[in-house]
C-alpha atoms as a PDB file:
ATOM      1  CA  MET A   1      24.552  -3.171 -14.509  1.00  0.00           C
ATOM      2  CA  GLN A   2      24.970  -2.008 -10.920  1.00  0.00           C
ATOM      3  CA  PRO A   3      24.429  -3.561  -7.474  1.00  0.00           C
ATOM      4  CA  VAL A   4      21.870  -2.208  -5.016  1.00  0.00           C
ATOM      5  CA  TYR A   5      22.700  -2.877  -1.355  1.00  0.00           C
ATOM      6  CA  MET A   6      20.076  -3.548   1.326  1.00  0.00           C
ATOM      7  CA  TYR A   7      21.059  -2.435   4.835  1.00  0.00           C
ATOM      8  CA  HIS A   8      19.054  -2.216   8.054  1.00  0.00           C
ATOM      9  CA  GLY A   9      20.743  -0.840  11.198  1.00  0.00           C
ATOM     10  CA  VAL A  10      24.238   0.604  11.583  1.00  0.00           C
ATOM     11  CA  GLY A  11      25.797   0.217  15.021  1.00  0.00           C
ATOM     12  CA  ASP A  12      26.722  -2.244  17.731  1.00  0.00           C
ATOM     13  CA  GLY A  13      25.291  -0.684  20.877  1.00  0.00           C
ATOM     14  CA  ALA A  14      22.373  -1.157  23.227  1.00  0.00           C
ATOM     15  CA  GLU A  15      19.973   0.383  20.684  1.00  0.00           C
ATOM     16  CA  LEU A  16      20.066  -2.871  18.683  1.00  0.00           C
ATOM     17  CA  THR A  17      17.921  -5.911  19.510  1.00  0.00           C
ATOM     18  CA  ASP A  18      19.173  -9.464  18.957  1.00  0.00           C
ATOM     19  CA  THR A  19      17.455  -9.586  15.571  1.00  0.00           C
ATOM     20  CA  ASP A  20      18.851  -6.169  14.619  1.00  0.00           C
ATOM     21  CA  ARG A  21      22.395  -7.305  15.374  1.00  0.00           C
ATOM     22  CA  VAL A  22      22.271 -10.011  12.711  1.00  0.00           C
ATOM     23  CA  TYR A  23      21.291  -7.458  10.064  1.00  0.00           C
ATOM     24  CA  ALA A  24      23.222  -4.444  11.400  1.00  0.00           C
ATOM     25  CA  VAL A  25      26.795  -3.571  10.482  1.00  0.00           C
ATOM     26  CA  SER A  26      29.056  -1.668  12.840  1.00  0.00           C
ATOM     27  CA  ARG A  27      29.811   1.983  12.060  1.00  0.00           C
ATOM     28  CA  ALA A  28      33.427   1.087  11.228  1.00  0.00           C
ATOM     29  CA  ARG A  29      32.365  -1.728   8.889  1.00  0.00           C
ATOM     30  CA  PHE A  30      29.806   0.519   7.203  1.00  0.00           C
ATOM     31  CA  GLU A  31      32.490   3.123   6.542  1.00  0.00           C
ATOM     32  CA  ALA A  32      34.679   0.396   5.032  1.00  0.00           C
ATOM     33  CA  HIS A  33      31.750  -0.626   2.838  1.00  0.00           C
ATOM     34  CA  LEU A  34      31.349   2.950   1.622  1.00  0.00           C
ATOM     35  CA  ARG A  35      35.004   3.052   0.631  1.00  0.00           C
ATOM     36  CA  ALA A  36      34.542  -0.203  -1.287  1.00  0.00           C
ATOM     37  CA  ILE A  37      31.414   1.083  -3.036  1.00  0.00           C
ATOM     38  CA  GLY A  38      33.079   4.365  -3.941  1.00  0.00           C
ATOM     39  CA  ARG A  39      30.025   6.410  -4.886  1.00  0.00           C
ATOM     40  CA  SER A  40      26.260   5.938  -4.875  1.00  0.00           C
ATOM     41  CA  ILE A  41      22.995   7.313  -6.190  1.00  0.00           C
ATOM     42  CA  ALA A  42      19.646   7.862  -4.525  1.00  0.00           C
ATOM     43  CA  LEU A  43      17.520   5.277  -6.297  1.00  0.00           C
ATOM     44  CA  ALA A  44      14.200   7.158  -6.491  1.00  0.00           C
ATOM     45  CA  ARG A  45      15.897  10.292  -7.769  1.00  0.00           C
ATOM     46  CA  GLN A  46      17.536   8.274 -10.526  1.00  0.00           C
ATOM     47  CA  LEU A  47      14.199   6.751 -11.499  1.00  0.00           C
ATOM     48  CA  TYR A  48      12.340  10.059 -11.232  1.00  0.00           C
ATOM     49  CA  GLU A  49      14.798  11.897 -13.462  1.00  0.00           C
ATOM     50  CA  ASN A  50      14.964   8.874 -15.812  1.00  0.00           C
ATOM     51  CA  ARG A  51      18.716   9.037 -16.233  1.00  0.00           C
ATOM     52  CA  ALA A  52      21.062   6.181 -17.026  1.00  0.00           C
ATOM     53  CA  ILE A  53      22.128   3.928 -14.159  1.00  0.00           C
ATOM     54  CA  SER A  54      25.534   5.342 -13.312  1.00  0.00           C
ATOM     55  CA  ALA A  55      26.496   3.966  -9.899  1.00  0.00           C
ATOM     56  CA  PRO A  56      25.503   1.493  -7.179  1.00  0.00           C
ATOM     57  CA  ALA A  57      22.652   2.367  -4.832  1.00  0.00           C
ATOM     58  CA  ILE A  58      22.587   2.039  -1.028  1.00  0.00           C
ATOM     59  CA  THR A  59      19.224   1.359   0.602  1.00  0.00           C
ATOM     60  CA  PHE A  60      17.957   0.911   4.159  1.00  0.00           C
ATOM     61  CA  ASP A  61      14.815  -0.885   5.337  1.00  0.00           C
ATOM     62  CA  ASP A  62      12.655  -0.200   8.410  1.00  0.00           C
ATOM     63  CA  GLY A  63      13.691   3.336   9.472  1.00  0.00           C
ATOM     64  CA  HIS A  64      15.834   2.299  12.457  1.00  0.00           C
ATOM     65  CA  ILE A  65      17.103   5.231  14.558  1.00  0.00           C
ATOM     66  CA  THR A  66      20.691   4.255  13.723  1.00  0.00           C
ATOM     67  CA  ASN A  67      19.976   5.230  10.122  1.00  0.00           C
ATOM     68  CA  TYR A  68      20.057   8.804  11.416  1.00  0.00           C
ATOM     69  CA  THR A  69      22.580   8.591  14.242  1.00  0.00           C
ATOM     70  CA  ASN A  70      25.216   6.421  12.520  1.00  0.00           C
ATOM     71  CA  ALA A  71      24.532   5.876   8.818  1.00  0.00           C
ATOM     72  CA  LEU A  72      23.710   9.466   7.909  1.00  0.00           C
ATOM     73  CA  PRO A  73      26.940  11.041   9.244  1.00  0.00           C
ATOM     74  CA  ALA A  74      29.036   8.383   7.499  1.00  0.00           C
ATOM     75  CA  LEU A  75      27.221   8.948   4.216  1.00  0.00           C
ATOM     76  CA  VAL A  76      27.535  12.720   4.424  1.00  0.00           C
ATOM     77  CA  GLU A  77      31.230  12.498   5.285  1.00  0.00           C
ATOM     78  CA  ALA A  78      31.795  10.216   2.281  1.00  0.00           C
ATOM     79  CA  GLY A  79      29.774  12.507   0.005  1.00  0.00           C
ATOM     80  CA  MET A  80      27.349   9.681  -0.800  1.00  0.00           C
ATOM     81  CA  THR A  81      23.580   9.290  -0.864  1.00  0.00           C
ATOM     82  CA  ALA A  82      21.199   6.490   0.083  1.00  0.00           C
ATOM     83  CA  GLU A  83      17.525   5.618  -0.010  1.00  0.00           C
ATOM     84  CA  PHE A  84      15.573   4.890   3.186  1.00  0.00           C
ATOM     85  CA  TYR A  85      12.383   2.797   3.165  1.00  0.00           C
ATOM     86  CA  ILE A  86      10.180   3.554   6.155  1.00  0.00           C
ATOM     87  CA  ASN A  87       6.983   2.192   7.675  1.00  0.00           C
ATOM     88  CA  THR A  88       4.958   5.329   8.255  1.00  0.00           C
ATOM     89  CA  ALA A  89       3.090   3.829  11.240  1.00  0.00           C
ATOM     90  CA  ASP A  90       6.448   3.376  13.030  1.00  0.00           C
ATOM     91  CA  VAL A  91       7.825   6.883  12.499  1.00  0.00           C
ATOM     92  CA  GLY A  92       8.574   8.479  15.874  1.00  0.00           C
ATOM     93  CA  ARG A  93       8.166   5.270  17.881  1.00  0.00           C
ATOM     94  CA  PRO A  94      11.024   4.280  20.220  1.00  0.00           C
ATOM     95  CA  GLY A  95      13.922   2.965  18.164  1.00  0.00           C
ATOM     96  CA  PHE A  96      12.747   4.598  14.923  1.00  0.00           C
ATOM     97  CA  VAL A  97      13.432   7.902  13.200  1.00  0.00           C
ATOM     98  CA  ASP A  98      10.866  10.703  13.511  1.00  0.00           C
ATOM     99  CA  TRP A  99       9.618  13.087  10.859  1.00  0.00           C
ATOM    100  CA  ALA A 100      11.999  15.873  11.843  1.00  0.00           C
ATOM    101  CA  LYS A 101      15.016  13.579  11.419  1.00  0.00           C
ATOM    102  CA  LEU A 102      13.681  12.236   8.130  1.00  0.00           C
ATOM    103  CA  GLY A 103      13.283  15.809   6.952  1.00  0.00           C
ATOM    104  CA  GLU A 104      16.914  16.536   7.813  1.00  0.00           C
ATOM    105  CA  MET A 105      17.988  13.448   5.903  1.00  0.00           C
ATOM    106  CA  ALA A 106      16.038  14.550   2.836  1.00  0.00           C
ATOM    107  CA  GLN A 107      17.538  18.033   3.001  1.00  0.00           C
ATOM    108  CA  VAL A 108      21.080  16.653   2.683  1.00  0.00           C
ATOM    109  CA  GLY A 109      20.241  14.543  -0.357  1.00  0.00           C
ATOM    110  CA  MET A 110      18.823  11.288   1.000  1.00  0.00           C
ATOM    111  CA  SER A 111      15.727   9.736  -0.552  1.00  0.00           C
ATOM    112  CA  ILE A 112      12.828   8.794   1.743  1.00  0.00           C
ATOM    113  CA  GLN A 113      10.601   6.101   0.238  1.00  0.00           C
ATOM    114  CA  SER A 114       7.973   3.539   1.245  1.00  0.00           C
ATOM    115  CA  HIS A 115       8.156   0.277   3.185  1.00  0.00           C
ATOM    116  CA  GLY A 116       4.372   0.309   3.560  1.00  0.00           C
ATOM    117  CA  ASP A 117       2.351   1.827   6.370  1.00  0.00           C
ATOM    118  CA  HIS A 118       2.861  -1.156   8.702  1.00  0.00           C
ATOM    119  CA  HIS A 119       5.564  -3.825   8.555  1.00  0.00           C
ATOM    120  CA  VAL A 120       3.320  -6.537   7.115  1.00  0.00           C
ATOM    121  CA  PHE A 121       3.699  -9.058   4.306  1.00  0.00           C
ATOM    122  CA  PHE A 122       1.877  -7.643   1.293  1.00  0.00           C
ATOM    123  CA  ALA A 123       1.305 -11.054  -0.287  1.00  0.00           C
ATOM    124  CA  ASP A 124      -0.802 -12.047   2.763  1.00  0.00           C
ATOM    125  CA  LEU A 125      -3.179  -9.061   2.558  1.00  0.00           C
ATOM    126  CA  ASP A 126      -6.521  -8.825   0.832  1.00  0.00           C
ATOM    127  CA  LEU A 127      -6.703  -6.289  -1.976  1.00  0.00           C
ATOM    128  CA  ASP A 128      -8.408  -3.546   0.057  1.00  0.00           C
ATOM    129  CA  ARG A 129      -5.843  -3.717   2.877  1.00  0.00           C
ATOM    130  CA  LEU A 130      -3.000  -3.856   0.359  1.00  0.00           C
ATOM    131  CA  HIS A 131      -4.268  -0.751  -1.415  1.00  0.00           C
ATOM    132  CA  ALA A 132      -4.669   1.094   1.899  1.00  0.00           C
ATOM    133  CA  GLU A 133      -1.145   0.172   3.076  1.00  0.00           C
ATOM    134  CA  LEU A 134       0.495   1.424  -0.113  1.00  0.00           C
ATOM    135  CA  GLU A 135      -1.669   4.513  -0.557  1.00  0.00           C
ATOM    136  CA  ARG A 136      -1.429   5.722   3.054  1.00  0.00           C
ATOM    137  CA  SER A 137       2.350   5.292   3.190  1.00  0.00           C
ATOM    138  CA  LYS A 138       2.958   7.125  -0.091  1.00  0.00           C
ATOM    139  CA  LYS A 139       0.714  10.061   0.749  1.00  0.00           C
ATOM    140  CA  THR A 140       2.018  10.401   4.315  1.00  0.00           C
ATOM    141  CA  ILE A 141       5.663  10.536   3.223  1.00  0.00           C
ATOM    142  CA  GLU A 142       4.956  12.982   0.418  1.00  0.00           C
ATOM    143  CA  ASP A 143       2.968  15.226   2.768  1.00  0.00           C
ATOM    144  CA  HIS A 144       5.707  15.270   5.426  1.00  0.00           C
ATOM    145  CA  ILE A 145       8.865  15.212   3.304  1.00  0.00           C
ATOM    146  CA  GLY A 146       7.821  16.831   0.044  1.00  0.00           C
ATOM    147  CA  GLN A 147       9.614  14.235  -2.099  1.00  0.00           C
ATOM    148  CA  ALA A 148       7.910  12.163  -4.770  1.00  0.00           C
ATOM    149  CA  VAL A 149       7.521   8.593  -3.483  1.00  0.00           C
ATOM    150  CA  THR A 150       8.181   6.334  -6.472  1.00  0.00           C
ATOM    151  CA  VAL A 151       9.791   3.226  -4.928  1.00  0.00           C
ATOM    152  CA  LEU A 152       8.202   0.612  -2.649  1.00  0.00           C
ATOM    153  CA  ALA A 153      10.225  -1.949  -0.676  1.00  0.00           C
ATOM    154  CA  PRO A 154       7.977  -4.870   0.397  1.00  0.00           C
ATOM    155  CA  PRO A 155       8.669  -5.923   4.026  1.00  0.00           C
ATOM    156  CA  GLY A 156      10.357  -9.299   4.193  1.00  0.00           C
ATOM    157  CA  GLY A 157      10.571  -9.319   0.411  1.00  0.00           C
ATOM    158  CA  ARG A 158       7.037 -10.800   0.373  1.00  0.00           C
ATOM    159  CA  TYR A 159       5.031  -9.514  -2.577  1.00  0.00           C
ATOM    160  CA  ASP A 160       3.038 -10.821  -5.502  1.00  0.00           C
ATOM    161  CA  GLN A 161       1.735  -9.599  -8.866  1.00  0.00           C
ATOM    162  CA  ARG A 162      -1.141  -7.825  -7.090  1.00  0.00           C
ATOM    163  CA  THR A 163       1.451  -5.796  -5.191  1.00  0.00           C
ATOM    164  CA  ILE A 164       3.172  -4.735  -8.405  1.00  0.00           C
ATOM    165  CA  ASP A 165      -0.126  -3.862 -10.096  1.00  0.00           C
ATOM    166  CA  THR A 166      -1.500  -1.937  -7.103  1.00  0.00           C
ATOM    167  CA  ALA A 167       1.744  -0.040  -6.642  1.00  0.00           C
ATOM    168  CA  ARG A 168       1.762   1.001 -10.292  1.00  0.00           C
ATOM    169  CA  THR A 169      -1.832   2.303 -10.123  1.00  0.00           C
ATOM    170  CA  LEU A 170      -0.875   4.433  -7.094  1.00  0.00           C
ATOM    171  CA  GLY A 171       2.148   6.006  -8.798  1.00  0.00           C
ATOM    172  CA  TYR A 172       5.025   3.837  -7.626  1.00  0.00           C
ATOM    173  CA  ARG A 173       7.469   3.187 -10.462  1.00  0.00           C
ATOM    174  CA  THR A 174       9.247   0.117  -9.123  1.00  0.00           C
ATOM    175  CA  LEU A 175       9.637  -2.277  -6.186  1.00  0.00           C
ATOM    176  CA  ALA A 176      12.978  -2.677  -4.406  1.00  0.00           C
ATOM    177  CA  VAL A 177      12.966  -6.355  -3.468  1.00  0.00           C
ATOM    178  CA  SER A 178      15.140  -8.786  -1.507  1.00  0.00           C
ATOM    179  CA  ARG A 179      16.206 -10.871  -4.490  1.00  0.00           C
ATOM    180  CA  PRO A 180      19.987 -10.625  -5.107  1.00  0.00           C
ATOM    181  CA  GLY A 181      21.208  -9.654  -8.546  1.00  0.00           C
ATOM    182  CA  LEU A 182      22.389  -6.671 -10.568  1.00  0.00           C
ATOM    183  CA  TRP A 183      20.147  -3.763 -11.471  1.00  0.00           C
ATOM    184  CA  LYS A 184      19.969  -3.765 -15.275  1.00  0.00           C
ATOM    185  CA  HIS A 185      17.585  -1.078 -16.485  1.00  0.00           C
ATOM    186  CA  LEU A 186      15.332   1.666 -15.168  1.00  0.00           C
ATOM    187  CA  ASP A 187      12.000   0.349 -16.433  1.00  0.00           C
ATOM    188  CA  GLN A 188      12.132  -3.103 -14.839  1.00  0.00           C
ATOM    189  CA  PRO A 189       9.211  -3.644 -12.404  1.00  0.00           C
ATOM    190  CA  THR A 190      11.482  -4.794  -9.568  1.00  0.00           C
ATOM    191  CA  VAL A 191      14.987  -3.779  -8.503  1.00  0.00           C
ATOM    192  CA  PRO A 192      17.063  -6.632  -7.011  1.00  0.00           C
ATOM    193  CA  ARG A 193      19.119  -5.938  -3.886  1.00  0.00           C
ATOM    194  CA  PHE A 194      21.982  -7.670  -2.107  1.00  0.00           C
ATOM    195  CA  PRO A 195      21.238  -8.104   1.626  1.00  0.00           C
ATOM    196  CA  VAL A 196      24.017  -6.915   3.928  1.00  0.00           C
ATOM    197  CA  TYR A 197      24.573  -8.684   7.263  1.00  0.00           C
ATOM    198  CA  ALA A 198      26.685  -7.968  10.323  1.00  0.00           C
ATOM    199  CA  HIS A 199      29.469 -10.207   9.011  1.00  0.00           C
ATOM    200  CA  THR A 200      29.456  -8.948   5.396  1.00  0.00           C
ATOM    201  CA  SER A 201      32.965  -7.785   4.506  1.00  0.00           C
ATOM    202  CA  ALA A 202      33.993  -4.850   2.341  1.00  0.00           C
ATOM    203  CA  GLU A 203      35.488  -7.374  -0.080  1.00  0.00           C
ATOM    204  CA  THR A 204      32.121  -9.091  -0.444  1.00  0.00           C
ATOM    205  CA  VAL A 205      30.382  -5.760  -0.992  1.00  0.00           C
ATOM    206  CA  ALA A 206      32.870  -4.930  -3.754  1.00  0.00           C
ATOM    207  CA  SER A 207      32.504  -8.369  -5.351  1.00  0.00           C
ATOM    208  CA  TYR A 208      28.762  -7.860  -5.849  1.00  0.00           C
ATOM    209  CA  ARG A 209      29.647  -5.609  -8.789  1.00  0.00           C
ATOM    210  CA  SER A 210      30.277  -8.782 -10.779  1.00  0.00           C
ATOM    211  CA  ALA A 211      27.321 -10.934 -11.844  1.00  0.00           C
ATOM    212  CA  TRP A 212      29.492 -14.076 -11.725  1.00  0.00           C
ATOM    213  CA  SER A 213      31.594 -13.569  -8.612  1.00  0.00           C
ATOM    214  CA  PRO A 214      31.501 -16.395  -6.015  1.00  0.00           C
ATOM    215  CA  ASP A 215      29.896 -14.036  -3.487  1.00  0.00           C
ATOM    216  CA  THR A 216      27.175 -13.054  -5.944  1.00  0.00           C
ATOM    217  CA  MET A 217      26.406 -16.669  -6.760  1.00  0.00           C
ATOM    218  CA  ARG A 218      26.310 -17.610  -3.048  1.00  0.00           C
ATOM    219  CA  ALA A 219      23.877 -14.770  -2.345  1.00  0.00           C
ATOM    220  CA  ILE A 220      21.602 -15.956  -5.147  1.00  0.00           C
ATOM    221  CA  LEU A 221      21.696 -19.566  -3.926  1.00  0.00           C
ATOM    222  CA  ARG A 222      20.909 -18.502  -0.339  1.00  0.00           C
ATOM    223  CA  TYR A 223      17.929 -16.537  -1.602  1.00  0.00           C
ATOM    224  CA  ARG A 224      16.631 -19.484  -3.625  1.00  0.00           C
ATOM    225  CA  ALA A 225      16.932 -21.764  -0.601  1.00  0.00           C
ATOM    226  CA  ALA A 226      15.015 -19.258   1.528  1.00  0.00           C
ATOM    227  CA  ARG A 227      12.285 -18.965  -1.081  1.00  0.00           C
ATOM    228  CA  PHE A 228      11.974 -22.754  -1.152  1.00  0.00           C
ATOM    229  CA  GLY A 229      11.617 -22.748   2.643  1.00  0.00           C
ATOM    230  CA  GLN A 230       8.896 -20.107   2.454  1.00  0.00           C
ATOM    231  CA  ARG A 231       6.945 -22.124  -0.086  1.00  0.00           C
ATOM    232  CA  MET A 232       7.267 -25.331   1.938  1.00  0.00           C
ATOM    233  CA  LEU A 233       6.574 -23.903   5.409  1.00  0.00           C
ATOM    234  CA  GLY A 234       4.447 -20.866   4.619  1.00  0.00           C
ATOM    235  CA  ASN A 235       5.248 -17.401   5.917  1.00  0.00           C
ATOM    236  CA  GLY A 236       4.411 -18.213   9.531  1.00  0.00           C
ATOM    237  CA  GLY A 237       6.357 -21.461   9.741  1.00  0.00           C
ATOM    238  CA  TYR A 238       9.336 -20.108   7.857  1.00  0.00           C
ATOM    239  CA  ASP A 239       9.569 -16.975  10.003  1.00  0.00           C
ATOM    240  CA  ALA A 240       9.283 -18.950  13.229  1.00  0.00           C
ATOM    241  CA  LEU A 241      12.202 -21.125  12.118  1.00  0.00           C
ATOM    242  CA  ARG A 242      14.236 -18.148  10.925  1.00  0.00           C
ATOM    243  CA  ASN A 243      13.676 -16.254  14.187  1.00  0.00           C
ATOM    244  CA  ARG A 244      14.914 -19.235  16.194  1.00  0.00           C
ATOM    245  CA  MET A 245      18.014 -19.412  13.997  1.00  0.00           C
ATOM    246  CA  VAL A 246      18.591 -15.660  14.312  1.00  0.00           C
ATOM    247  CA  GLY A 247      18.342 -15.937  18.092  1.00  0.00           C
ATOM    248  CA  ALA A 248      20.848 -18.767  18.141  1.00  0.00           C
ATOM    249  CA  ILE A 249      23.301 -16.821  15.964  1.00  0.00           C
ATOM    250  CA  SER A 250      22.909 -13.720  18.138  1.00  0.00           C
ATOM    251  CA  GLY A 251      23.501 -15.770  21.262  1.00  0.00           C
ATOM    252  CA  ARG A 252      26.730 -17.199  19.881  1.00  0.00           C
ATOM    253  CA  ALA A 253      27.897 -13.755  18.801  1.00  0.00           C
ATOM    254  CA  SER A 254      27.247 -12.040  22.151  1.00  0.00           C
END
């Protein structure tokens, strides 16, 4: 069993919004995390080649420009790989990577995979829109990058059985989700991931290797509490509350 880590931005400069700062680690902290992780695989490549799970995986959601400017150099220097989930509709927009940069990342061993076409909650979509989101993203990435797109990361971790079924019919092999836990085997329909925040220490990152560490159990309990909040408040109510909390945390940190 191996952990899969879910990052967003890497940096602490003006390129990060208040929300980004909560989910972004500094370049120095990211480098410390890489030392704690030790080595990594590119998740889609591991699935595509159907090899045994041999190491942790590092993943990034959203395609933030700091994935290229800060995360990529640190990964290359450490001799490590990562998987980047992008919204194809956002590629090239201000604050996001463009196709040329994504191509460079792929050329040095990074995996470029799908976060959908737009950053929308798949569980809220009707079946036609869901199919279009997943199909357009997969085809666009494959056309631009030339890599097989086999992994889908649902934005916000919001997905349902329809998402899994639709993804499978389109050629995705698994979903990388926001549920903490250890990755057990290659043929499971979803891959759990540990979310990484601005305050996450290298010690915590290392402790996620153990299924029963205090940090692992806390991450699982936080996730269950969040899922309860989503069920009680609905996506809109829960996100409004979370955004207010994120703003308050960012204000205290600045």
